[in-house]
Amino acid sequence: MRKIILGLILFSQISFSQKASNANLNVEYDEYRIFTQGFINLDLGTLFVSNQISYYNSVVQKKLTTDLVPNERAIMFTKGTGDKEILPEIIIDREKNLLTERLFEDSHLNSYFAVQEPLPKMNWKLLNEKKTIGKYNCTKAVVEFRGRTYTAWYTIEIPISLGPWKFNGLPGLILEVDDEKGVYKWQAKTISFNNNLSEKEILVKIQNDPKFEAISFKDYDAKKIKKVQDKIQTIKARSGGRGAQFGMMTAFEFDKEPINEYRSEMEFN
């Protein structure tokens, strides 16, 4: 049985390599952000993968409401300037294992940043559950990463260790991810090997932009924490220390990464 499984993996790797030699991988994802029950932000995420780089960006697709929340009562969390919501881009240098998240942080800092870190290690627990997504056979995996628990479905039929957002480290392409708390979800909708979109074109898109301040993940996080701490102190001062319920967890509870390697929930108090 072990030889059969290894043979299938090898066959899929050869098939992928044959396709990838002439084209780059492109995957589109439906990306859901649900901050209020019954009110959904539906975005379109696109993953581009070449031998050298991986690039993931998201654009606002539509805003949905269900019968649980009438339209006139729906409240949305948005980020951006004016009426345009700016969603982050994830750039991975696959040769250097370096990740850069380009974003506009308007909740606290109101600035553009290119946040750099080594490609984060995700300690996945591989499970035996299987299901089919489209034409691909997928396997289940679970990970706890920076304050959230995610369940992913990946396929070894496309043996590339990436997926939407920062997800990486599985034996195959990630086609679906669910946040245990139901705030975030990604579902692959199209997969193609595209000859028309070249790596050179992507490199032009992600070239250095002076409006993004280059900063380490640790320093960026410290900058956000300091800003929130200052805001908390201002609120407490204005209220005489009474009725100030705003805290760290409130400030970061909807982030994809509410905690990280440099701080924990305990430090929010």
C-alpha atoms as a PDB file:
ATOM      1  CA  MET A   1       0.000   0.000   0.000  1.00  0.00           C
ATOM      2  CA  ARG A   2       2.838   2.404   0.889  1.00  0.00           C
ATOM      3  CA  LYS A   3       4.443   1.779  -2.533  1.00  0.00           C
ATOM      4  CA  ILE A   4       1.114   2.490  -4.257  1.00  0.00           C
ATOM      5  CA  ILE A   5       0.656   5.792  -2.394  1.00  0.00           C
ATOM      6  CA  LEU A   6       4.234   6.875  -3.137  1.00  0.00           C
ATOM      7  CA  GLY A   7       3.685   5.933  -6.764  1.00  0.00           C
ATOM      8  CA  LEU A   8       0.540   8.075  -6.949  1.00  0.00           C
ATOM      9  CA  ILE A   9       2.365  11.028  -5.395  1.00  0.00           C
ATOM     10  CA  LEU A  10       5.254  10.626  -7.827  1.00  0.00           C
ATOM     11  CA  PHE A  11       2.859  10.406 -10.772  1.00  0.00           C
ATOM     12  CA  SER A  12       1.023  13.555  -9.684  1.00  0.00           C
ATOM     13  CA  GLN A  13       4.333  15.393  -9.231  1.00  0.00           C
ATOM     14  CA  ILE A  14       5.437  14.390 -12.741  1.00  0.00           C
ATOM     15  CA  SER A  15       2.065  15.451 -14.197  1.00  0.00           C
ATOM     16  CA  PHE A  16       2.251  18.797 -12.378  1.00  0.00           C
ATOM     17  CA  SER A  17       5.863  19.351 -13.452  1.00  0.00           C
ATOM     18  CA  GLN A  18       4.950  18.719 -17.083  1.00  0.00           C
ATOM     19  CA  LYS A  19       2.199  21.349 -16.904  1.00  0.00           C
ATOM     20  CA  ALA A  20       4.248  23.805 -14.859  1.00  0.00           C
ATOM     21  CA  SER A  21       7.146  23.663 -17.288  1.00  0.00           C
ATOM     22  CA  ASN A  22       5.006  25.486 -19.828  1.00  0.00           C
ATOM     23  CA  ALA A  23       2.663  27.494 -17.607  1.00  0.00           C
ATOM     24  CA  ASN A  24       2.141  29.080 -14.219  1.00  0.00           C
ATOM     25  CA  LEU A  25      -0.498  27.973 -11.736  1.00  0.00           C
ATOM     26  CA  ASN A  26      -3.490  30.267 -11.158  1.00  0.00           C
ATOM     27  CA  VAL A  27      -6.199  29.596  -8.586  1.00  0.00           C
ATOM     28  CA  GLU A  28      -9.253  31.729  -7.841  1.00  0.00           C
ATOM     29  CA  TYR A  29     -10.907  31.522  -4.434  1.00  0.00           C
ATOM     30  CA  ASP A  30     -14.206  32.749  -3.042  1.00  0.00           C
ATOM     31  CA  GLU A  31     -13.105  34.416   0.171  1.00  0.00           C
ATOM     32  CA  TYR A  32     -15.646  35.004   2.929  1.00  0.00           C
ATOM     33  CA  ARG A  33     -15.357  37.378   5.895  1.00  0.00           C
ATOM     34  CA  ILE A  34     -18.265  37.098   8.333  1.00  0.00           C
ATOM     35  CA  PHE A  35     -17.945  39.622  11.152  1.00  0.00           C
ATOM     36  CA  THR A  36     -21.664  39.724  11.995  1.00  0.00           C
ATOM     37  CA  GLN A  37     -23.925  36.681  11.765  1.00  0.00           C
ATOM     38  CA  GLY A  38     -25.941  36.841   8.581  1.00  0.00           C
ATOM     39  CA  PHE A  39     -23.794  39.533   6.991  1.00  0.00           C
ATOM     40  CA  ILE A  40     -21.100  38.359   4.599  1.00  0.00           C
ATOM     41  CA  ASN A  41     -18.230  40.079   2.792  1.00  0.00           C
ATOM     42  CA  LEU A  42     -17.547  38.008  -0.338  1.00  0.00           C
ATOM     43  CA  ASP A  43     -14.188  38.719  -1.991  1.00  0.00           C
ATOM     44  CA  LEU A  44     -12.343  37.220  -4.930  1.00  0.00           C
ATOM     45  CA  GLY A  45      -8.878  35.938  -4.063  1.00  0.00           C
ATOM     46  CA  THR A  46      -6.349  35.026  -6.754  1.00  0.00           C
ATOM     47  CA  LEU A  47      -3.238  32.910  -6.244  1.00  0.00           C
ATOM     48  CA  PHE A  48      -0.413  32.974  -8.801  1.00  0.00           C
ATOM     49  CA  VAL A  49       2.434  30.488  -8.390  1.00  0.00           C
ATOM     50  CA  SER A  50       5.629  30.199 -10.404  1.00  0.00           C
ATOM     51  CA  ASN A  51       8.939  28.537  -9.613  1.00  0.00           C
ATOM     52  CA  GLN A  52      10.239  31.778  -8.114  1.00  0.00           C
ATOM     53  CA  ILE A  53       7.282  33.555  -6.520  1.00  0.00           C
ATOM     54  CA  SER A  54       3.812  33.181  -5.102  1.00  0.00           C
ATOM     55  CA  TYR A  55       1.415  36.122  -5.198  1.00  0.00           C
ATOM     56  CA  TYR A  56      -2.040  36.286  -3.568  1.00  0.00           C
ATOM     57  CA  ASN A  57      -4.352  39.262  -3.746  1.00  0.00           C
ATOM     58  CA  SER A  58      -8.017  39.871  -2.944  1.00  0.00           C
ATOM     59  CA  VAL A  59     -10.588  42.294  -4.292  1.00  0.00           C
ATOM     60  CA  VAL A  60     -14.065  43.044  -2.962  1.00  0.00           C
ATOM     61  CA  GLN A  61     -16.615  41.075  -4.948  1.00  0.00           C
ATOM     62  CA  LYS A  62     -19.942  41.746  -3.232  1.00  0.00           C
ATOM     63  CA  LYS A  63     -21.613  42.156   0.128  1.00  0.00           C
ATOM     64  CA  LEU A  64     -24.329  39.688   1.072  1.00  0.00           C
ATOM     65  CA  THR A  65     -26.996  39.640   3.740  1.00  0.00           C
ATOM     66  CA  THR A  66     -29.226  36.780   4.799  1.00  0.00           C
ATOM     67  CA  ASP A  67     -32.637  36.761   6.458  1.00  0.00           C
ATOM     68  CA  LEU A  68     -30.850  36.707   9.814  1.00  0.00           C
ATOM     69  CA  VAL A  69     -29.883  40.358   9.448  1.00  0.00           C
ATOM     70  CA  PRO A  70     -32.206  42.777   7.611  1.00  0.00           C
ATOM     71  CA  ASN A  71     -30.390  44.993   5.122  1.00  0.00           C
ATOM     72  CA  GLU A  72     -31.103  48.191   7.038  1.00  0.00           C
ATOM     73  CA  ARG A  73     -29.494  46.748  10.183  1.00  0.00           C
ATOM     74  CA  ALA A  74     -26.425  45.245   8.546  1.00  0.00           C
ATOM     75  CA  ILE A  75     -23.117  46.566   9.849  1.00  0.00           C
ATOM     76  CA  MET A  76     -19.920  46.044   7.904  1.00  0.00           C
ATOM     77  CA  PHE A  77     -16.279  46.238   8.859  1.00  0.00           C
ATOM     78  CA  THR A  78     -14.328  47.816   6.011  1.00  0.00           C
ATOM     79  CA  LYS A  79     -10.745  48.885   5.505  1.00  0.00           C
ATOM     80  CA  GLY A  80      -9.489  51.413   3.020  1.00  0.00           C
ATOM     81  CA  THR A  81      -9.702  55.033   2.011  1.00  0.00           C
ATOM     82  CA  GLY A  82     -12.940  56.665   0.971  1.00  0.00           C
ATOM     83  CA  ASP A  83     -15.354  54.179  -0.584  1.00  0.00           C
ATOM     84  CA  LYS A  84     -12.589  51.879  -1.812  1.00  0.00           C
ATOM     85  CA  GLU A  85     -11.707  48.963   0.411  1.00  0.00           C
ATOM     86  CA  ILE A  86      -8.060  47.964   0.176  1.00  0.00           C
ATOM     87  CA  LEU A  87      -7.334  44.302   0.859  1.00  0.00           C
ATOM     88  CA  PRO A  88      -3.845  42.919   1.591  1.00  0.00           C
ATOM     89  CA  GLU A  89      -1.491  41.247  -0.890  1.00  0.00           C
ATOM     90  CA  ILE A  90       0.706  38.300   0.052  1.00  0.00           C
ATOM     91  CA  ILE A  91       4.021  37.952  -1.806  1.00  0.00           C
ATOM     92  CA  ILE A  92       6.254  34.933  -1.186  1.00  0.00           C
ATOM     93  CA  ASP A  93       9.799  34.661  -2.487  1.00  0.00           C
ATOM     94  CA  ARG A  94       9.887  30.882  -2.854  1.00  0.00           C
ATOM     95  CA  GLU A  95      13.659  30.761  -3.208  1.00  0.00           C
ATOM     96  CA  LYS A  96      14.342  32.756  -0.034  1.00  0.00           C
ATOM     97  CA  ASN A  97      11.244  31.569   1.896  1.00  0.00           C
ATOM     98  CA  LEU A  98      10.425  35.216   2.596  1.00  0.00           C
ATOM     99  CA  LEU A  99       6.840  36.480   2.945  1.00  0.00           C
ATOM    100  CA  THR A 100       5.781  40.097   2.448  1.00  0.00           C
ATOM    101  CA  GLU A 101       2.267  41.292   3.245  1.00  0.00           C
ATOM    102  CA  ARG A 102       1.453  44.622   1.608  1.00  0.00           C
ATOM    103  CA  LEU A 103      -1.475  46.293   3.308  1.00  0.00           C
ATOM    104  CA  PHE A 104      -3.176  49.512   4.270  1.00  0.00           C
ATOM    105  CA  GLU A 105      -3.740  49.476   8.046  1.00  0.00           C
ATOM    106  CA  ASP A 106      -6.469  51.995   8.799  1.00  0.00           C
ATOM    107  CA  SER A 107      -7.903  50.642  12.061  1.00  0.00           C
ATOM    108  CA  HIS A 108      -5.118  52.132  14.165  1.00  0.00           C
ATOM    109  CA  LEU A 109      -2.088  53.317  12.143  1.00  0.00           C
ATOM    110  CA  ASN A 110      -3.660  54.694   8.953  1.00  0.00           C
ATOM    111  CA  SER A 111      -0.569  53.863   6.879  1.00  0.00           C
ATOM    112  CA  TYR A 112       0.707  51.556   4.138  1.00  0.00           C
ATOM    113  CA  PHE A 113       3.129  48.794   5.115  1.00  0.00           C
ATOM    114  CA  ALA A 114       5.156  46.032   3.488  1.00  0.00           C
ATOM    115  CA  VAL A 115       5.354  43.643   6.436  1.00  0.00           C
ATOM    116  CA  GLN A 116       8.161  41.099   6.050  1.00  0.00           C
ATOM    117  CA  GLU A 117       8.763  37.814   7.841  1.00  0.00           C
ATOM    118  CA  PRO A 118      10.254  34.383   7.141  1.00  0.00           C
ATOM    119  CA  LEU A 119       7.601  32.122   5.626  1.00  0.00           C
ATOM    120  CA  PRO A 120       5.687  31.151   8.786  1.00  0.00           C
ATOM    121  CA  LYS A 121       5.790  27.513   9.808  1.00  0.00           C
ATOM    122  CA  MET A 122       2.365  25.926  10.205  1.00  0.00           C
ATOM    123  CA  ASN A 123       2.297  22.753  12.285  1.00  0.00           C
ATOM    124  CA  TRP A 124      -0.487  20.918  10.494  1.00  0.00           C
ATOM    125  CA  LYS A 125      -2.140  17.808  11.887  1.00  0.00           C
ATOM    126  CA  LEU A 126      -2.838  15.515   8.927  1.00  0.00           C
ATOM    127  CA  LEU A 127      -6.090  13.550   9.170  1.00  0.00           C
ATOM    128  CA  ASN A 128      -7.443  10.552   7.276  1.00  0.00           C
ATOM    129  CA  GLU A 129     -10.714  12.174   6.177  1.00  0.00           C
ATOM    130  CA  LYS A 130     -11.199  12.519   2.421  1.00  0.00           C
ATOM    131  CA  LYS A 131     -13.549  14.354   0.091  1.00  0.00           C
ATOM    132  CA  THR A 132     -13.702  15.471  -3.524  1.00  0.00           C
ATOM    133  CA  ILE A 133     -13.563  19.143  -4.466  1.00  0.00           C
ATOM    134  CA  GLY A 134     -14.281  19.565  -8.158  1.00  0.00           C
ATOM    135  CA  LYS A 135     -12.279  16.828  -9.839  1.00  0.00           C
ATOM    136  CA  TYR A 136      -9.598  16.681  -7.136  1.00  0.00           C
ATOM    137  CA  ASN A 137      -9.306  14.145  -4.326  1.00  0.00           C
ATOM    138  CA  CYS A 138      -8.622  16.044  -1.113  1.00  0.00           C
ATOM    139  CA  THR A 139      -7.423  15.241   2.409  1.00  0.00           C
ATOM    140  CA  LYS A 140      -8.231  17.064   5.641  1.00  0.00           C
ATOM    141  CA  ALA A 141      -5.734  18.858   7.888  1.00  0.00           C
ATOM    142  CA  VAL A 142      -6.040  21.107  10.955  1.00  0.00           C
ATOM    143  CA  VAL A 143      -3.733  23.801  12.312  1.00  0.00           C
ATOM    144  CA  GLU A 144      -3.657  26.318  15.154  1.00  0.00           C
ATOM    145  CA  PHE A 145      -2.028  29.458  13.831  1.00  0.00           C
ATOM    146  CA  ARG A 146      -1.688  32.792  15.601  1.00  0.00           C
ATOM    147  CA  GLY A 147      -4.891  32.629  17.599  1.00  0.00           C
ATOM    148  CA  ARG A 148      -7.180  30.818  15.167  1.00  0.00           C
ATOM    149  CA  THR A 149      -7.841  27.170  14.387  1.00  0.00           C
ATOM    150  CA  TYR A 150      -8.199  26.369  10.692  1.00  0.00           C
ATOM    151  CA  THR A 151      -9.416  23.249   8.900  1.00  0.00           C
ATOM    152  CA  ALA A 152      -8.022  22.809   5.383  1.00  0.00           C
ATOM    153  CA  TRP A 153      -8.582  20.437   2.475  1.00  0.00           C
ATOM    154  CA  TYR A 154      -5.590  19.891   0.186  1.00  0.00           C
ATOM    155  CA  THR A 155      -4.863  17.777  -2.875  1.00  0.00           C
ATOM    156  CA  ILE A 156      -1.601  15.953  -3.586  1.00  0.00           C
ATOM    157  CA  GLU A 157      -2.695  15.875  -7.239  1.00  0.00           C
ATOM    158  CA  ILE A 158      -1.212  19.383  -7.374  1.00  0.00           C
ATOM    159  CA  PRO A 159       1.828  18.895  -5.117  1.00  0.00           C
ATOM    160  CA  ILE A 160       2.567  22.507  -4.345  1.00  0.00           C
ATOM    161  CA  SER A 161       2.751  23.508  -0.685  1.00  0.00           C
ATOM    162  CA  LEU A 162       0.707  26.703  -0.844  1.00  0.00           C
ATOM    163  CA  GLY A 163      -2.843  28.027  -0.713  1.00  0.00           C
ATOM    164  CA  PRO A 164      -4.747  31.263  -0.123  1.00  0.00           C
ATOM    165  CA  TRP A 165      -3.443  33.989   2.190  1.00  0.00           C
ATOM    166  CA  LYS A 166      -0.370  32.790   4.178  1.00  0.00           C
ATOM    167  CA  PHE A 167      -1.340  29.125   4.237  1.00  0.00           C
ATOM    168  CA  ASN A 168       1.535  26.790   3.423  1.00  0.00           C
ATOM    169  CA  GLY A 169       3.251  23.597   4.507  1.00  0.00           C
ATOM    170  CA  LEU A 170       0.882  20.853   3.339  1.00  0.00           C
ATOM    171  CA  PRO A 171       1.844  18.120   0.803  1.00  0.00           C
ATOM    172  CA  GLY A 172      -0.435  19.636  -1.828  1.00  0.00           C
ATOM    173  CA  LEU A 173      -2.360  22.702  -2.956  1.00  0.00           C
ATOM    174  CA  ILE A 174      -4.970  23.922  -0.450  1.00  0.00           C
ATOM    175  CA  LEU A 175      -8.413  24.172  -2.035  1.00  0.00           C
ATOM    176  CA  GLU A 176     -10.548  24.999   0.989  1.00  0.00           C
ATOM    177  CA  VAL A 177      -9.991  26.521   4.440  1.00  0.00           C
ATOM    178  CA  ASP A 178     -12.437  27.186   7.294  1.00  0.00           C
ATOM    179  CA  ASP A 179     -11.845  29.202  10.455  1.00  0.00           C
ATOM    180  CA  GLU A 180     -13.216  27.312  13.466  1.00  0.00           C
ATOM    181  CA  LYS A 181     -14.982  30.461  14.703  1.00  0.00           C
ATOM    182  CA  GLY A 182     -16.640  31.015  11.317  1.00  0.00           C
ATOM    183  CA  VAL A 183     -15.136  34.433  10.637  1.00  0.00           C
ATOM    184  CA  TYR A 184     -12.997  33.480   7.616  1.00  0.00           C
ATOM    185  CA  LYS A 185     -13.398  30.936   4.826  1.00  0.00           C
ATOM    186  CA  TRP A 186     -11.761  30.260   1.455  1.00  0.00           C
ATOM    187  CA  GLN A 187     -13.075  28.001  -1.335  1.00  0.00           C
ATOM    188  CA  ALA A 188     -11.280  27.389  -4.637  1.00  0.00           C
ATOM    189  CA  LYS A 189     -13.507  28.076  -7.633  1.00  0.00           C
ATOM    190  CA  THR A 190     -11.125  27.790 -10.621  1.00  0.00           C
ATOM    191  CA  ILE A 191      -7.724  26.182 -11.157  1.00  0.00           C
ATOM    192  CA  SER A 192      -5.729  26.714 -14.330  1.00  0.00           C
ATOM    193  CA  PHE A 193      -2.243  26.544 -15.788  1.00  0.00           C
ATOM    194  CA  ASN A 194      -2.042  29.885 -17.513  1.00  0.00           C
ATOM    195  CA  ASN A 195       0.371  30.549 -20.365  1.00  0.00           C
ATOM    196  CA  ASN A 196      -0.815  34.130 -20.753  1.00  0.00           C
ATOM    197  CA  LEU A 197       0.180  35.494 -17.341  1.00  0.00           C
ATOM    198  CA  SER A 198       3.956  35.491 -17.133  1.00  0.00           C
ATOM    199  CA  GLU A 199       6.154  35.701 -14.068  1.00  0.00           C
ATOM    200  CA  LYS A 200       7.606  38.899 -15.509  1.00  0.00           C
ATOM    201  CA  GLU A 201       4.167  40.547 -15.466  1.00  0.00           C
ATOM    202  CA  ILE A 202       3.664  39.564 -11.832  1.00  0.00           C
ATOM    203  CA  LEU A 203       7.115  40.873 -10.896  1.00  0.00           C
ATOM    204  CA  VAL A 204       6.128  44.235 -12.392  1.00  0.00           C
ATOM    205  CA  LYS A 205       2.975  44.264 -10.241  1.00  0.00           C
ATOM    206  CA  ILE A 206       4.847  43.512  -7.022  1.00  0.00           C
ATOM    207  CA  GLN A 207       7.913  45.666  -7.565  1.00  0.00           C
ATOM    208  CA  ASN A 208       8.844  48.007  -4.727  1.00  0.00           C
ATOM    209  CA  ASP A 209       6.277  50.740  -4.183  1.00  0.00           C
ATOM    210  CA  PRO A 210       7.528  53.691  -2.100  1.00  0.00           C
ATOM    211  CA  LYS A 211       4.142  54.211  -0.434  1.00  0.00           C
ATOM    212  CA  PHE A 212       4.577  50.893   1.422  1.00  0.00           C
ATOM    213  CA  GLU A 213       6.894  51.201   4.432  1.00  0.00           C
ATOM    214  CA  ALA A 214       9.116  48.121   4.693  1.00  0.00           C
ATOM    215  CA  ILE A 215       8.945  46.783   8.239  1.00  0.00           C
ATOM    216  CA  SER A 216       9.477  43.481  10.043  1.00  0.00           C
ATOM    217  CA  PHE A 217       6.439  41.559  11.301  1.00  0.00           C
ATOM    218  CA  LYS A 218       7.656  41.986  14.894  1.00  0.00           C
ATOM    219  CA  ASP A 219       8.128  45.755  14.585  1.00  0.00           C
ATOM    220  CA  TYR A 220       4.813  46.199  12.790  1.00  0.00           C
ATOM    221  CA  ASP A 221       3.011  44.273  15.525  1.00  0.00           C
ATOM    222  CA  ALA A 222       4.718  46.329  18.240  1.00  0.00           C
ATOM    223  CA  LYS A 223       3.693  49.534  16.453  1.00  0.00           C
ATOM    224  CA  LYS A 224       0.038  48.418  16.376  1.00  0.00           C
ATOM    225  CA  ILE A 225       0.108  47.362  20.035  1.00  0.00           C
ATOM    226  CA  LYS A 226       1.550  50.725  21.079  1.00  0.00           C
ATOM    227  CA  LYS A 227      -1.146  52.593  19.144  1.00  0.00           C
ATOM    228  CA  VAL A 228      -3.931  50.527  20.713  1.00  0.00           C
ATOM    229  CA  GLN A 229      -2.442  50.931  24.202  1.00  0.00           C
ATOM    230  CA  ASP A 230      -2.360  54.696  23.715  1.00  0.00           C
ATOM    231  CA  LYS A 231      -5.996  54.626  22.582  1.00  0.00           C
ATOM    232  CA  ILE A 232      -7.015  52.599  25.644  1.00  0.00           C
ATOM    233  CA  GLN A 233      -5.257  55.029  27.981  1.00  0.00           C
ATOM    234  CA  THR A 234      -6.990  57.977  26.285  1.00  0.00           C
ATOM    235  CA  ILE A 235     -10.401  56.338  26.692  1.00  0.00           C
ATOM    236  CA  LYS A 236      -9.723  55.543  30.346  1.00  0.00           C
ATOM    237  CA  ALA A 237      -8.519  59.100  31.006  1.00  0.00           C
ATOM    238  CA  ARG A 238     -11.615  60.621  29.423  1.00  0.00           C
ATOM    239  CA  SER A 239     -13.939  58.314  31.364  1.00  0.00           C
ATOM    240  CA  GLY A 240     -12.129  58.735  34.667  1.00  0.00           C
ATOM    241  CA  GLY A 241     -11.297  55.042  34.562  1.00  0.00           C
ATOM    242  CA  ARG A 242     -14.993  54.131  34.553  1.00  0.00           C
ATOM    243  CA  GLY A 243     -16.848  52.326  31.776  1.00  0.00           C
ATOM    244  CA  ALA A 244     -13.823  51.859  29.525  1.00  0.00           C
ATOM    245  CA  GLN A 245     -14.546  48.394  28.143  1.00  0.00           C
ATOM    246  CA  PHE A 246     -12.311  48.729  25.110  1.00  0.00           C
ATOM    247  CA  GLY A 247      -9.327  46.370  25.348  1.00  0.00           C
ATOM    248  CA  MET A 248      -6.695  44.565  23.334  1.00  0.00           C
ATOM    249  CA  MET A 249      -8.856  41.558  22.556  1.00  0.00           C
ATOM    250  CA  THR A 250     -11.610  43.861  21.337  1.00  0.00           C
ATOM    251  CA  ALA A 251      -9.095  45.618  19.096  1.00  0.00           C
ATOM    252  CA  PHE A 252      -7.789  42.422  17.493  1.00  0.00           C
ATOM    253  CA  GLU A 253     -10.651  39.930  17.765  1.00  0.00           C
ATOM    254  CA  PHE A 254     -11.496  40.089  14.040  1.00  0.00           C
ATOM    255  CA  ASP A 255      -7.892  39.909  12.812  1.00  0.00           C
ATOM    256  CA  LYS A 256      -6.741  36.775  11.033  1.00  0.00           C
ATOM    257  CA  GLU A 257      -3.854  36.807  13.529  1.00  0.00           C
ATOM    258  CA  PRO A 258      -5.239  37.990  16.900  1.00  0.00           C
ATOM    259  CA  ILE A 259      -2.118  36.675  18.656  1.00  0.00           C
ATOM    260  CA  ASN A 260       1.355  35.724  17.461  1.00  0.00           C
ATOM    261  CA  GLU A 261       4.820  34.588  18.526  1.00  0.00           C
ATOM    262  CA  TYR A 262       5.547  37.881  20.308  1.00  0.00           C
ATOM    263  CA  ARG A 263       2.395  38.240  22.423  1.00  0.00           C
ATOM    264  CA  SER A 264      -0.483  36.164  23.745  1.00  0.00           C
ATOM    265  CA  GLU A 265      -4.044  36.782  24.911  1.00  0.00           C
ATOM    266  CA  MET A 266      -2.785  37.107  28.486  1.00  0.00           C
ATOM    267  CA  GLU A 267      -0.801  40.166  27.492  1.00  0.00           C
ATOM    268  CA  PHE A 268      -3.984  41.873  26.270  1.00  0.00           C
ATOM    269  CA  ASN A 269      -5.180  42.509  29.824  1.00  0.00           C
END
